[in-house]
Structure formats: C-alpha cells, structure tokens
N, C-alpha and C. Protein backbone atom coordinates (compact mmCIF):
# COMPACT_ATOMS: atom_id res chain seq x y z
N UNK A 1 -48.78 87.07 19.02
CA UNK A 1 -48.61 85.95 19.68
C UNK A 1 -49.93 84.75 18.94
N UNK A 2 -49.90 83.60 18.15
CA UNK A 2 -50.71 82.78 17.75
C UNK A 2 -50.59 81.78 18.12
N UNK A 3 -51.73 80.74 18.14
CA UNK A 3 -52.00 79.48 18.70
C UNK A 3 -50.79 78.87 18.20
N UNK A 4 -50.26 79.03 16.95
CA UNK A 4 -49.35 78.04 16.19
C UNK A 4 -47.94 77.61 16.86
N UNK A 5 -47.75 78.94 17.80
CA UNK A 5 -46.88 78.82 18.96
C UNK A 5 -46.72 77.99 19.80
N UNK A 6 -47.65 77.40 20.83
CA UNK A 6 -48.19 76.76 21.17
C UNK A 6 -47.53 75.26 21.08
N UNK A 7 -47.20 74.62 22.29
CA UNK A 7 -47.02 73.22 21.58
C UNK A 7 -48.04 72.00 21.91
N UNK A 8 -48.14 70.78 20.76
CA UNK A 8 -49.35 70.04 20.68
C UNK A 8 -49.72 69.77 22.40
N UNK A 9 -49.10 69.78 23.29
CA UNK A 9 -49.95 69.52 25.02
C UNK A 9 -50.73 70.74 25.20
N UNK A 10 -50.11 72.11 25.07
CA UNK A 10 -50.58 72.91 25.46
C UNK A 10 -51.69 73.55 24.60
N UNK A 11 -52.05 73.15 23.04
CA UNK A 11 -53.06 73.02 22.51
C UNK A 11 -54.16 72.29 22.88
N UNK A 12 -54.03 71.13 23.62
CA UNK A 12 -54.60 70.25 23.61
C UNK A 12 -55.37 70.61 24.84
N UNK A 13 -54.59 70.95 25.77
CA UNK A 13 -55.03 71.77 26.98
C UNK A 13 -56.13 72.42 26.98
N UNK A 14 -55.79 73.42 25.59
CA UNK A 14 -56.58 74.84 25.43
C UNK A 14 -57.86 74.42 24.87
N UNK A 15 -57.84 73.52 23.86
CA UNK A 15 -59.09 72.89 23.44
C UNK A 15 -60.06 72.49 24.32
N UNK A 16 -59.21 71.48 25.58
CA UNK A 16 -60.09 70.49 26.29
C UNK A 16 -60.71 71.82 27.02
N UNK A 17 -60.18 73.04 27.61
CA UNK A 17 -60.77 73.81 28.37
C UNK A 17 -62.03 74.98 28.03
N UNK A 18 -61.76 74.84 26.60
CA UNK A 18 -62.81 75.78 25.95
C UNK A 18 -63.90 74.90 25.60
N UNK A 19 -63.72 73.64 25.51
CA UNK A 19 -64.80 72.81 24.78
C UNK A 19 -65.43 72.62 26.31
N UNK A 20 -64.94 72.49 27.57
CA UNK A 20 -65.42 71.96 28.99
C UNK A 20 -66.61 73.03 29.05
N UNK A 21 -65.80 74.52 28.91
CA UNK A 21 -66.66 76.10 29.64
C UNK A 21 -67.72 75.77 28.44
N UNK A 22 -67.82 75.48 27.41
CA UNK A 22 -68.69 75.59 26.61
C UNK A 22 -70.30 74.64 26.99
N UNK A 23 -69.86 73.51 27.14
CA UNK A 23 -70.44 72.02 27.54
C UNK A 23 -71.01 72.42 28.65
N UNK A 24 -70.14 72.71 29.69
CA UNK A 24 -70.51 72.40 31.14
C UNK A 24 -71.21 73.69 31.90
N UNK A 25 -70.45 75.05 31.50
CA UNK A 25 -70.91 76.08 31.82
C UNK A 25 -70.08 76.32 33.09
N UNK A 26 -68.72 75.86 33.25
CA UNK A 26 -67.91 75.98 34.38
C UNK A 26 -66.66 75.84 34.03
N UNK A 27 -65.60 76.23 34.95
CA UNK A 27 -64.21 75.92 34.78
C UNK A 27 -64.09 74.18 35.27
N UNK A 28 -63.14 73.77 34.26
CA UNK A 28 -62.65 72.62 34.73
C UNK A 28 -61.58 72.81 36.06
N UNK A 29 -61.64 71.93 36.64
CA UNK A 29 -60.42 71.61 37.52
C UNK A 29 -59.22 70.91 37.25
N UNK A 30 -58.08 71.01 37.63
CA UNK A 30 -57.07 70.97 37.04
C UNK A 30 -56.79 69.17 36.68
N UNK A 31 -57.47 68.34 37.87
CA UNK A 31 -57.69 66.98 37.59
C UNK A 31 -58.56 66.80 36.66
N UNK A 32 -59.66 67.41 36.12
CA UNK A 32 -60.11 67.21 34.89
C UNK A 32 -59.76 67.56 33.65
N UNK A 33 -58.71 68.40 33.59
CA UNK A 33 -58.28 68.73 32.67
C UNK A 33 -57.14 67.57 32.42
N UNK A 34 -56.53 67.03 33.18
CA UNK A 34 -55.28 66.01 33.36
C UNK A 34 -56.03 65.01 32.88
N UNK A 35 -57.21 64.58 32.89
CA UNK A 35 -58.17 63.40 32.56
C UNK A 35 -58.45 63.59 30.88
N UNK A 36 -59.02 65.06 30.50
CA UNK A 36 -59.24 65.10 29.13
C UNK A 36 -58.26 64.90 28.38
N UNK A 37 -57.30 64.93 28.70
CA UNK A 37 -56.12 65.02 27.58
C UNK A 37 -55.16 63.59 27.86
N UNK A 38 -55.76 62.78 28.80
CA UNK A 38 -55.09 61.96 28.65
C UNK A 38 -53.18 62.14 30.05
N UNK A 39 -53.63 62.94 30.90
CA UNK A 39 -52.04 63.11 31.60
C UNK A 39 -52.56 62.40 33.28
N UNK A 40 -51.46 61.88 33.59
CA UNK A 40 -51.35 61.36 34.93
C UNK A 40 -51.08 62.39 36.41
N UNK A 41 -50.19 64.13 35.41
CA UNK A 41 -49.43 64.46 36.45
C UNK A 41 -50.39 65.90 36.67
N UNK A 42 -51.12 66.17 37.55
CA UNK A 42 -51.67 67.54 38.05
C UNK A 42 -50.64 68.49 37.87
N UNK A 43 -49.77 68.24 38.05
CA UNK A 43 -48.60 69.18 38.30
C UNK A 43 -48.08 69.81 37.04
N UNK A 44 -48.27 68.75 35.99
CA UNK A 44 -47.66 68.91 35.19
C UNK A 44 -48.95 69.91 34.17
N UNK A 45 -50.16 69.62 34.25
CA UNK A 45 -51.31 70.17 33.65
C UNK A 45 -51.18 71.90 34.06
N UNK A 46 -50.70 71.75 35.50
CA UNK A 46 -50.77 73.26 36.35
C UNK A 46 -50.04 74.40 35.39
N UNK A 47 -48.78 73.48 35.08
CA UNK A 47 -47.78 74.12 34.52
C UNK A 47 -48.21 74.39 33.00
N UNK A 48 -48.54 73.86 32.31
CA UNK A 48 -49.62 74.20 30.81
C UNK A 48 -50.51 75.18 31.12
N UNK A 49 -51.35 75.35 31.94
CA UNK A 49 -51.89 76.28 32.47
C UNK A 49 -51.54 77.56 32.43
N UNK A 50 -50.57 77.67 33.73
CA UNK A 50 -49.71 78.72 33.53
C UNK A 50 -48.96 79.42 32.23
N UNK A 51 -48.12 78.60 31.72
CA UNK A 51 -47.75 79.07 30.24
C UNK A 51 -49.01 79.49 29.51
N UNK A 52 -49.83 79.04 29.56
CA UNK A 52 -51.02 79.60 28.38
C UNK A 52 -51.73 81.06 29.34
N UNK A 53 -51.76 81.25 30.48
CA UNK A 53 -52.25 82.26 30.88
C UNK A 53 -51.23 83.52 30.93
N UNK A 54 -49.70 83.09 31.07
CA UNK A 54 -48.30 83.83 30.37
C UNK A 54 -48.36 84.06 29.16
N UNK A 55 -49.13 83.45 28.57
CA UNK A 55 -49.08 83.75 26.73
C UNK A 55 -50.29 84.52 26.36
N UNK A 56 -51.30 85.06 27.32
CA UNK A 56 -52.48 85.45 27.01
C UNK A 56 -53.44 84.85 26.39
N UNK A 57 -53.64 82.99 26.54
CA UNK A 57 -54.49 82.62 25.95
C UNK A 57 -55.51 82.39 27.06
N UNK A 58 -54.87 82.53 28.24
CA UNK A 58 -55.98 81.97 29.23
C UNK A 58 -55.75 82.96 30.26
N UNK A 59 -57.52 83.34 31.00
CA UNK A 59 -57.04 84.47 31.88
C UNK A 59 -58.17 83.99 33.40
N UNK A 60 -58.31 84.67 34.29
CA UNK A 60 -59.09 84.11 35.26
C UNK A 60 -60.00 84.97 35.61
N UNK A 61 -61.14 84.60 35.85
CA UNK A 61 -62.44 85.18 36.21
C UNK A 61 -62.00 85.84 38.30
N UNK A 62 -62.54 87.05 38.34
CA UNK A 62 -62.18 87.63 39.47
C UNK A 62 -63.08 87.68 40.51
N UNK A 63 -64.00 86.37 40.30
CA UNK A 63 -64.75 86.44 41.89
C UNK A 63 -64.62 85.28 42.54
N UNK A 64 -65.18 84.47 43.46
CA UNK A 64 -65.30 83.78 44.79
C UNK A 64 -64.10 82.70 44.00
N UNK A 65 -64.51 81.96 42.90
CA UNK A 65 -63.96 81.07 42.20
C UNK A 65 -62.69 80.64 41.79
N UNK A 66 -62.23 82.28 41.55
CA UNK A 66 -60.94 82.25 40.42
C UNK A 66 -60.96 81.42 39.06
N UNK A 67 -61.51 81.02 38.43
CA UNK A 67 -61.94 80.54 37.58
C UNK A 67 -61.53 80.89 36.45
N UNK A 68 -61.03 79.83 35.23
CA UNK A 68 -60.31 80.05 34.51
C UNK A 68 -61.34 80.71 33.46
N UNK A 69 -60.86 81.25 32.64
CA UNK A 69 -61.23 81.46 31.55
C UNK A 69 -60.72 81.60 29.94
N UNK A 70 -61.46 81.53 29.05
CA UNK A 70 -60.50 82.01 27.56
C UNK A 70 -60.60 82.97 27.18
N UNK A 71 -59.33 83.40 26.91
CA UNK A 71 -58.82 84.95 26.20
C UNK A 71 -59.58 84.91 24.47
N UNK A 72 -61.00 85.65 24.14
CA UNK A 72 -61.45 85.56 22.88
C UNK A 72 -60.05 85.93 22.08
N UNK A 73 -60.25 85.25 20.03
CA UNK A 73 -59.52 85.75 19.43
C UNK A 73 -58.32 84.84 19.45
N UNK A 74 -57.60 84.98 18.01
CA UNK A 74 -56.59 84.45 18.17
C UNK A 74 -55.01 85.24 18.73
N UNK A 75 -55.38 86.13 18.19
CA UNK A 75 -54.11 86.81 18.85
C UNK A 75 -54.15 86.95 20.26
N UNK A 76 -52.73 86.78 20.76
CA UNK A 76 -52.70 86.85 22.50
C UNK A 76 -51.96 88.27 22.98
N UNK A 77 -52.13 88.71 24.11
CA UNK A 77 -50.72 89.35 24.27
C UNK A 77 -49.08 89.18 24.84
N UNK A 78 -48.59 89.38 24.64
CA UNK A 78 -47.12 88.55 24.75
C UNK A 78 -47.08 88.50 26.78
N UNK A 79 -46.65 87.82 26.81
CA UNK A 79 -46.39 88.01 28.21
C UNK A 79 -45.61 89.00 29.24
N UNK A 80 -46.76 89.84 30.17
CA UNK A 80 -45.65 91.18 30.78
C UNK A 80 -46.55 92.38 30.18
N UNK A 81 -46.65 92.27 28.96
CA UNK A 81 -47.22 93.89 28.04
C UNK A 81 -48.95 93.83 28.33
N UNK A 82 -49.11 94.95 29.10
CA UNK A 82 -50.26 95.58 29.15
C UNK A 82 -50.42 97.00 28.82
N UNK A 83 -51.89 97.27 28.09
CA UNK A 83 -51.69 99.05 27.75
C UNK A 83 -51.22 99.99 28.85
N UNK A 84 -50.88 100.79 28.73
CA UNK A 84 -50.09 101.69 29.32
C UNK A 84 -51.38 102.27 30.29
N UNK A 85 -51.05 103.07 31.64
CA UNK A 85 -52.13 103.39 32.06
C UNK A 85 -53.08 103.18 32.89
N UNK A 86 -52.94 101.64 32.76
CA UNK A 86 -54.42 100.85 33.22
C UNK A 86 -54.31 100.16 34.67
N UNK A 87 -53.01 100.56 35.09
CA UNK A 87 -52.42 99.88 36.31
C UNK A 87 -52.57 100.46 37.62
N UNK A 88 -52.66 100.09 38.44
CA UNK A 88 -53.25 101.12 40.07
C UNK A 88 -52.51 100.39 40.99
N UNK A 89 -51.75 101.08 41.78
CA UNK A 89 -51.16 100.80 42.94
C UNK A 89 -51.95 100.84 43.72
N UNK A 90 -51.68 98.90 44.34
CA UNK A 90 -52.34 99.30 45.76
C UNK A 90 -51.38 98.14 46.85
N UNK A 91 -52.00 98.62 48.32
CA UNK A 91 -50.60 98.37 48.91
C UNK A 91 -50.23 96.78 49.23
N UNK A 92 -49.25 96.19 49.56
CA UNK A 92 -48.97 95.37 49.88
C UNK A 92 -48.60 94.83 51.23
N UNK A 93 -49.66 94.31 51.54
CA UNK A 93 -49.35 93.88 53.37
C UNK A 93 -48.90 92.92 53.84
N UNK A 94 -47.64 92.11 52.90
CA UNK A 94 -47.26 91.06 53.15
C UNK A 94 -47.57 89.73 53.41
N UNK A 95 -47.38 88.39 53.92
CA UNK A 95 -48.04 87.26 53.29
C UNK A 95 -49.09 86.57 53.71
N UNK A 96 -49.84 86.05 53.51
CA UNK A 96 -50.72 84.49 54.01
C UNK A 96 -49.88 83.84 54.21
N UNK A 97 -49.72 83.83 56.14
CA UNK A 97 -49.09 82.93 56.80
C UNK A 97 -49.45 83.17 57.80
N UNK A 98 -49.38 81.40 58.57
CA UNK A 98 -49.26 81.28 60.04
C UNK A 98 -48.15 82.24 60.91
N UNK A 99 -48.90 82.84 61.97
CA UNK A 99 -47.79 83.56 62.99
C UNK A 99 -48.04 84.68 63.32
N UNK A 100 -47.72 85.44 62.09
CA UNK A 100 -49.02 87.11 62.70
C UNK A 100 -49.55 87.75 61.44
N UNK A 101 -50.40 88.70 62.24
CA UNK A 101 -51.25 89.00 61.87
C UNK A 101 -51.11 90.33 60.23
N UNK A 102 -52.01 90.91 59.77
CA UNK A 102 -51.47 91.53 58.21
C UNK A 102 -50.89 93.16 59.04
N UNK A 103 -49.91 93.09 58.14
CA UNK A 103 -49.27 94.76 58.74
C UNK A 103 -49.98 96.08 58.46
N UNK A 104 -49.79 96.42 59.39
CA UNK A 104 -50.70 98.22 58.91
C UNK A 104 -50.76 98.55 57.32
N UNK A 105 -51.90 99.16 56.79
CA UNK A 105 -51.41 99.95 55.34
C UNK A 105 -50.39 100.96 55.25
N UNK A 106 -50.06 101.95 56.60
CA UNK A 106 -48.99 102.62 56.95
C UNK A 106 -47.68 102.28 56.62
N UNK A 107 -47.18 100.31 56.38
CA UNK A 107 -46.17 100.32 56.50
C UNK A 107 -46.66 99.28 54.98
N UNK A 108 -47.25 99.36 54.66
CA UNK A 108 -47.53 98.35 53.34
C UNK A 108 -46.75 98.73 52.15
N UNK A 109 -46.13 98.44 50.92
CA UNK A 109 -45.21 98.49 50.19
C UNK A 109 -46.36 98.51 48.67
N UNK A 110 -46.17 99.81 48.04
CA UNK A 110 -47.22 99.94 47.22
C UNK A 110 -47.22 98.95 45.67
N UNK A 111 -48.07 98.37 45.38
CA UNK A 111 -47.68 97.64 44.23
C UNK A 111 -48.64 97.85 42.91
N UNK A 112 -48.05 97.52 41.86
CA UNK A 112 -49.35 97.93 40.96
C UNK A 112 -49.56 96.58 40.53
N UNK A 113 -51.22 96.90 39.97
CA UNK A 113 -52.01 95.73 40.11
C UNK A 113 -52.89 95.90 38.84
N UNK A 114 -52.97 95.05 37.24
CA UNK A 114 -53.34 95.74 36.23
C UNK A 114 -55.08 95.50 36.18
N UNK A 115 -55.53 96.86 35.31
CA UNK A 115 -57.35 96.81 35.79
C UNK A 115 -57.63 95.54 35.57
N UNK A 116 -57.18 94.52 35.18
CA UNK A 116 -58.19 93.23 34.43
C UNK A 116 -58.80 93.01 36.02
N UNK A 117 -57.84 92.94 36.97
CA UNK A 117 -58.27 92.49 38.36
C UNK A 117 -58.61 93.33 39.04
N UNK A 118 -58.52 94.98 38.89
CA UNK A 118 -58.77 95.83 40.52
C UNK A 118 -60.48 96.10 39.69
N UNK A 119 -60.76 96.23 38.50
CA UNK A 119 -61.79 96.96 38.07
C UNK A 119 -62.54 98.26 38.63
N UNK A 120 -61.50 99.29 38.92
CA UNK A 120 -61.94 99.87 40.14
C UNK A 120 -62.79 99.91 41.28
N UNK A 121 -62.37 98.48 41.91
CA UNK A 121 -63.13 98.30 43.14
C UNK A 121 -62.49 98.86 44.48
N UNK A 122 -62.86 99.33 45.20
CA UNK A 122 -62.51 99.99 46.54
C UNK A 122 -62.16 99.03 47.64
N UNK A 123 -61.40 99.49 48.56
CA UNK A 123 -60.94 98.81 49.51
C UNK A 123 -59.95 97.47 49.18
N UNK A 124 -59.21 97.51 48.67
CA UNK A 124 -58.30 96.72 47.90
C UNK A 124 -56.96 96.57 48.59
N UNK A 125 -56.36 95.26 48.59
CA UNK A 125 -55.12 95.11 49.11
C UNK A 125 -54.48 93.80 48.58
N UNK A 126 -53.28 93.49 48.51
CA UNK A 126 -52.03 92.62 48.30
C UNK A 126 -51.50 91.46 49.09
N UNK A 127 -51.64 90.46 48.93
CA UNK A 127 -50.93 89.46 50.29
C UNK A 127 -50.29 88.57 49.18
N UNK A 128 -49.19 87.63 50.04
CA UNK A 128 -48.49 86.89 48.87
C UNK A 128 -48.79 85.20 49.70
N UNK A 129 -49.05 84.41 48.78
CA UNK A 129 -49.59 83.37 49.31
C UNK A 129 -47.88 82.35 50.10
N UNK A 130 -48.22 81.90 50.97
CA UNK A 130 -47.12 80.84 51.75
C UNK A 130 -48.02 79.86 51.80
N UNK A 131 -47.84 78.32 50.95
CA UNK A 131 -48.21 77.08 51.39
C UNK A 131 -49.00 76.89 49.97
N UNK A 132 -49.94 75.48 50.29
CA UNK A 132 -50.40 74.89 48.97
C UNK A 132 -51.91 74.60 49.22
N UNK A 133 -52.49 75.29 50.03
CA UNK A 133 -53.64 74.82 50.39
C UNK A 133 -54.89 75.09 49.65
N UNK A 134 -54.44 75.87 48.59
CA UNK A 134 -55.48 76.23 47.56
C UNK A 134 -54.75 75.97 46.32
N UNK A 135 -54.58 74.84 46.30
CA UNK A 135 -53.86 74.31 44.86
C UNK A 135 -54.62 73.94 43.87
N UNK A 136 -56.08 73.39 44.14
CA UNK A 136 -56.56 73.09 43.53
C UNK A 136 -57.61 73.87 43.02
N UNK A 137 -57.32 75.38 43.14
CA UNK A 137 -57.99 76.84 42.54
C UNK A 137 -56.82 77.31 41.60
N UNK A 138 -55.34 76.46 41.54
CA UNK A 138 -54.72 77.13 40.97
C UNK A 138 -54.09 77.91 41.22
N UNK A 139 -54.04 78.30 43.27
CA UNK A 139 -53.40 79.69 43.92
C UNK A 139 -52.15 78.44 44.06
N UNK A 140 -51.20 78.78 44.22
CA UNK A 140 -49.77 78.27 44.43
C UNK A 140 -49.14 79.40 45.21
N UNK A 141 -48.31 78.41 46.13
CA UNK A 141 -46.71 79.10 47.03
C UNK A 141 -46.27 80.08 45.98
N UNK A 142 -46.16 81.45 46.36
CA UNK A 142 -45.57 82.57 46.24
C UNK A 142 -46.50 83.32 45.44
N UNK A 143 -47.82 83.07 44.83
CA UNK A 143 -48.72 83.74 44.20
C UNK A 143 -49.11 85.08 45.12
N UNK A 144 -49.24 86.24 44.21
CA UNK A 144 -49.99 87.45 44.96
C UNK A 144 -51.57 87.60 44.76
N UNK A 145 -52.25 87.33 45.38
CA UNK A 145 -53.52 88.03 45.51
C UNK A 145 -54.55 89.26 46.09
N UNK A 146 -55.32 89.23 45.51
CA UNK A 146 -55.93 90.67 45.49
C UNK A 146 -56.84 90.65 46.38
N UNK A 147 -57.58 91.31 47.51
CA UNK A 147 -58.31 91.25 47.85
C UNK A 147 -59.12 92.14 48.85
N UNK A 148 -60.38 91.98 48.56
CA UNK A 148 -61.28 93.46 48.81
C UNK A 148 -61.90 93.61 50.12
N UNK A 149 -62.07 94.37 50.88
CA UNK A 149 -62.61 94.30 52.18
C UNK A 149 -64.07 94.41 52.05
N UNK A 150 -65.09 93.85 52.68
CA UNK A 150 -66.51 93.77 52.16
C UNK A 150 -67.04 93.60 53.66
N UNK A 151 -68.26 94.13 53.71
CA UNK A 151 -68.91 94.02 54.98
C UNK A 151 -69.65 93.08 55.23
N UNK A 152 -69.73 92.02 53.84
CA UNK A 152 -70.58 90.49 54.21
C UNK A 152 -69.84 89.88 53.00
N UNK A 153 -69.94 88.37 53.40
CA UNK A 153 -69.73 87.56 52.72
C UNK A 153 -69.98 86.11 52.98
N UNK A 154 -70.05 85.51 51.69
CA UNK A 154 -70.97 84.58 51.42
C UNK A 154 -70.48 83.16 51.26
N UNK A 155 -71.31 82.50 51.63
CA UNK A 155 -70.53 80.63 51.41
C UNK A 155 -70.10 80.38 49.97
N UNK A 156 -69.00 79.70 49.72
CA UNK A 156 -68.51 79.37 49.24
C UNK A 156 -67.24 80.72 48.32
N UNK A 157 -67.39 82.11 49.45
CA UNK A 157 -66.40 82.78 49.08
C UNK A 157 -65.02 82.45 49.62
N UNK A 158 -64.05 82.69 48.61
CA UNK A 158 -62.75 82.19 49.08
C UNK A 158 -62.18 83.72 49.54
N UNK A 159 -61.71 83.64 51.03
CA UNK A 159 -61.35 84.52 52.10
C UNK A 159 -60.26 84.69 52.52
N UNK A 160 -59.32 85.73 52.92
CA UNK A 160 -58.07 85.63 54.27
C UNK A 160 -58.99 85.92 55.59
N UNK A 161 -58.48 84.59 56.34
CA UNK A 161 -59.20 84.46 58.20
C UNK A 161 -58.07 84.94 58.78
N UNK A 162 -58.60 85.62 59.44
CA UNK A 162 -57.51 85.88 60.69
C UNK A 162 -57.97 84.71 62.31
N UNK A 163 -57.51 84.06 62.48
CA UNK A 163 -57.70 82.99 63.47
C UNK A 163 -57.19 83.36 64.47
N UNK A 164 -57.95 83.83 65.56
CA UNK A 164 -57.28 83.72 66.65
C UNK A 164 -56.21 84.99 67.40
N UNK A 165 -56.76 85.70 66.27
CA UNK A 165 -55.99 87.09 66.40
C UNK A 165 -54.72 86.90 65.83
N UNK A 166 -53.98 85.68 65.65
CA UNK A 166 -52.80 85.21 65.07
C UNK A 166 -52.26 84.70 64.17
N UNK A 167 -53.28 83.88 63.23
CA UNK A 167 -52.57 83.03 62.33
C UNK A 167 -53.58 83.61 61.19
N UNK A 168 -53.07 83.79 59.71
CA UNK A 168 -53.98 84.26 58.85
C UNK A 168 -53.77 82.99 57.62
N UNK A 169 -54.77 82.84 57.39
CA UNK A 169 -55.20 81.75 55.97
C UNK A 169 -56.34 82.27 54.64
N UNK A 170 -55.62 81.81 53.55
CA UNK A 170 -56.72 81.73 52.93
C UNK A 170 -57.87 80.45 52.83
N UNK A 171 -58.59 80.36 52.73
CA UNK A 171 -59.54 79.13 52.26
C UNK A 171 -61.02 79.91 51.44
N UNK A 172 -62.09 78.49 51.41
CA UNK A 172 -63.04 79.29 51.30
C UNK A 172 -63.89 79.62 52.47
N UNK A 173 -65.01 80.00 52.32
CA UNK A 173 -65.84 80.00 53.70
C UNK A 173 -67.04 79.60 53.59
N UNK A 174 -67.70 78.96 54.58
CA UNK A 174 -68.79 78.45 54.51
C UNK A 174 -69.24 78.77 56.08
N UNK A 175 -70.57 79.02 56.47
CA UNK A 175 -71.28 79.02 57.83
C UNK A 175 -72.38 78.00 57.60
N UNK A 176 -72.54 77.45 58.85
CA UNK A 176 -73.49 77.21 59.22
C UNK A 176 -73.77 77.11 60.71
N UNK A 177 -75.21 76.02 61.24
CA UNK A 177 -75.26 76.12 62.53
C UNK A 177 -74.09 75.61 63.31
N UNK A 178 -73.40 74.79 62.87
CA UNK A 178 -72.20 74.35 63.90
C UNK A 178 -70.93 75.12 63.78
N UNK A 179 -70.92 76.63 63.15
CA UNK A 179 -69.99 77.63 63.11
C UNK A 179 -69.64 77.92 61.87
N UNK A 180 -68.18 78.28 61.58
CA UNK A 180 -67.75 79.01 60.51
C UNK A 180 -66.43 77.64 60.29
N UNK A 181 -66.78 77.18 58.60
CA UNK A 181 -65.95 76.22 58.08
C UNK A 181 -64.72 76.73 56.85
N UNK A 182 -63.69 76.72 57.17
CA UNK A 182 -62.58 76.84 56.15
C UNK A 182 -62.20 75.59 55.69
N UNK A 183 -62.49 75.67 54.60
CA UNK A 183 -62.27 74.66 53.74
C UNK A 183 -60.83 74.89 52.64
N UNK A 184 -59.95 74.13 52.83
CA UNK A 184 -59.30 74.09 51.86
C UNK A 184 -59.42 73.43 50.25
N UNK A 185 -58.81 73.91 49.48
CA UNK A 185 -58.91 73.14 48.29
C UNK A 185 -57.56 72.33 47.66
N UNK A 186 -57.34 71.51 48.22
CA UNK A 186 -55.99 70.39 48.45
C UNK A 186 -56.21 69.17 49.00
N UNK A 187 -56.33 67.98 48.09
CA UNK A 187 -56.92 66.85 48.22
C UNK A 187 -56.50 66.34 49.96
N UNK A 188 -55.10 66.33 50.35
CA UNK A 188 -54.60 66.33 51.37
C UNK A 188 -55.22 66.67 52.20
N UNK A 189 -55.63 68.15 52.63
CA UNK A 189 -55.89 68.31 53.80
C UNK A 189 -57.24 68.44 53.87
N UNK A 190 -58.07 68.48 54.91
CA UNK A 190 -59.43 68.89 55.40
C UNK A 190 -60.06 70.08 56.11
N UNK A 191 -61.10 70.28 56.37
CA UNK A 191 -62.08 71.39 56.60
C UNK A 191 -62.15 71.55 57.97
N UNK A 192 -61.65 72.56 58.77
CA UNK A 192 -61.80 72.99 59.96
C UNK A 192 -62.70 73.90 60.69
N UNK A 193 -63.56 73.51 61.35
CA UNK A 193 -64.55 74.59 61.86
C UNK A 193 -64.27 75.25 63.42
N UNK A 194 -64.88 76.80 63.38
CA UNK A 194 -64.42 77.40 64.34
C UNK A 194 -65.43 78.30 64.60
N UNK A 195 -65.36 78.60 65.86
CA UNK A 195 -66.54 79.65 66.58
C UNK A 195 -66.08 80.87 66.09
N UNK A 196 -67.78 81.36 65.64
CA UNK A 196 -67.58 82.80 65.00
C UNK A 196 -66.72 83.30 65.37
N UNK A 197 -66.50 83.42 67.24
CA UNK A 197 -65.78 84.77 67.52
C UNK A 197 -64.33 84.17 67.29
N UNK A 198 -64.08 83.07 67.02
CA UNK A 198 -62.74 82.91 66.45
C UNK A 198 -62.02 83.35 65.24
N UNK A 199 -62.88 83.97 64.44
CA UNK A 199 -63.15 84.08 63.02
C UNK A 199 -62.86 85.92 63.13
N UNK A 200 -61.94 86.30 62.29
CA UNK A 200 -62.24 87.31 61.49
C UNK A 200 -61.80 87.90 60.24
N UNK A 201 -62.90 87.90 59.34
CA UNK A 201 -62.56 87.88 57.74
C UNK A 201 -62.12 89.38 57.43
N UNK A 202 -60.75 88.93 56.61
CA UNK A 202 -59.72 89.95 56.32
C UNK A 202 -60.10 90.80 54.88
N UNK A 203 -60.76 89.79 53.86
CA UNK A 203 -60.88 90.28 52.26
C UNK A 203 -61.32 89.14 51.91
N UNK A 204 -62.08 89.48 50.86
CA UNK A 204 -62.49 88.61 49.54
C UNK A 204 -61.74 88.50 48.79
N UNK A 205 -61.00 86.86 48.06
CA UNK A 205 -60.16 87.24 46.86
C UNK A 205 -61.05 87.62 45.49
N UNK A 206 -60.31 88.74 45.01
CA UNK A 206 -60.98 88.74 43.78
C UNK A 206 -59.79 89.05 42.58
N UNK A 207 -58.53 88.21 42.55
CA UNK A 207 -57.69 88.14 41.70
C UNK A 207 -56.60 87.17 41.87
N UNK A 208 -55.65 87.02 41.09
CA UNK A 208 -54.38 85.94 41.96
C UNK A 208 -53.26 86.66 40.52
N UNK A 209 -51.81 86.78 40.78
CA UNK A 209 -51.41 87.34 40.08
C UNK A 209 -50.21 85.92 39.94
N UNK A 210 -49.52 85.66 39.13
CA UNK A 210 -48.77 84.31 39.20
C UNK A 210 -47.40 84.89 39.69
N UNK A 211 -46.69 84.53 40.79
CA UNK A 211 -45.10 84.93 41.05
C UNK A 211 -44.31 84.77 39.62
N UNK A 212 -43.52 85.05 39.51
CA UNK A 212 -42.39 85.01 38.77
C UNK A 212 -41.35 84.60 39.00
C-alpha cells in the first residue's frame, strides 16, 4: 500500500509527525499534531493516527513512553498482515480495571503477540485496558497492553500497579520523598500519591495492540 492511498488529512498528519520527529527528536502529542495540521478535535487526530498505524505507515516504540515512530519506506504492510512464525503466545490475564487483582497465569488465555512487541523479552503478559486515563499516550479503552515483570522501575515508566491489593491501574510511575506518584495522561484527571507499602507494581508497559 502506497501513500497515494491515504486521504489528504492522513497525509498531512503523517508529514507533520515525520517533520516533528526530525526537528524535535521526540514524538508529538495528539494535541501537538492537531495544532500542527489545523484541527481542533484531538479525537479525530487519534483516529487518523490509528488508521495510519493500521495501514502500516506508523508504529509504536515499546519503551516507557509508547512513542509514535514512522515506518521507513514508501511501502506499508496491509493491516493485519505479518510474516509467519514471528508471533509468540503470551498469557492474557484479564482487564486493567478497578476491583480485582490480576488473575493467575494458570487461568490465563494464550494470546499471540507480534515480534515487533515481544522482541524475545522474558516474563511478559497481556492485559486489556478499561478506561481513558492514558489517552494522551494514545492508549484507549479496549486496547491490549503487553507488560514485562521487572525487578526495578524508574521514574517515567508506564506501569500496571496493584493498589491496596484490590485496584489495578495503568499509570506513569514516579517516586520521590513524598511517596509514589501515579500520574494519568488525561487532562481531566490528576496525579495521586500513595505510601510505598500500598503499591505493588505488576509490570512495565512494553507495547500496545489496538483493539479491533
């Protein structure tokens, strides 16, 4: 599929992201993309980014920020097509939602994850996002997130956290002398601080798969 198959607005979004990455050396936010292409609707920009991702023109890096990257070359892989034999079955352990801890892996459902996300990492599992607290990271309600169990976590990591042994949430993690801050990426929500003994980090975000 070539860029000639894109709409004028999708081309404008793609070109803005490409230029922004080159000039700023970081991914633009959805708000910055909207401003850059003269749109007032961030939700519409997200749809354009999603379509460009599905068509293979954009991808995600899989570090703490889930950043947008531009796929090199004019040709893009058709949506849903990947080389055979590169997937990996990972345990799907349920939803990131308030009210229940993660289900044990002995009850988990195997789910195939492409190599671009798992990259032969160990200790991976998958959850489904419920809610909109991370929309500015382009993580939406219903998306599947791939997480890695780690022994250490640093400020700025996006992590799934178990709070008080009951509530599970996906947030940015920061620790300071005041405690552990869980920071949403939604302009309508604010950060919350917790005592360290109330927090149990379940895993580090390493990839996102868009729900269909």
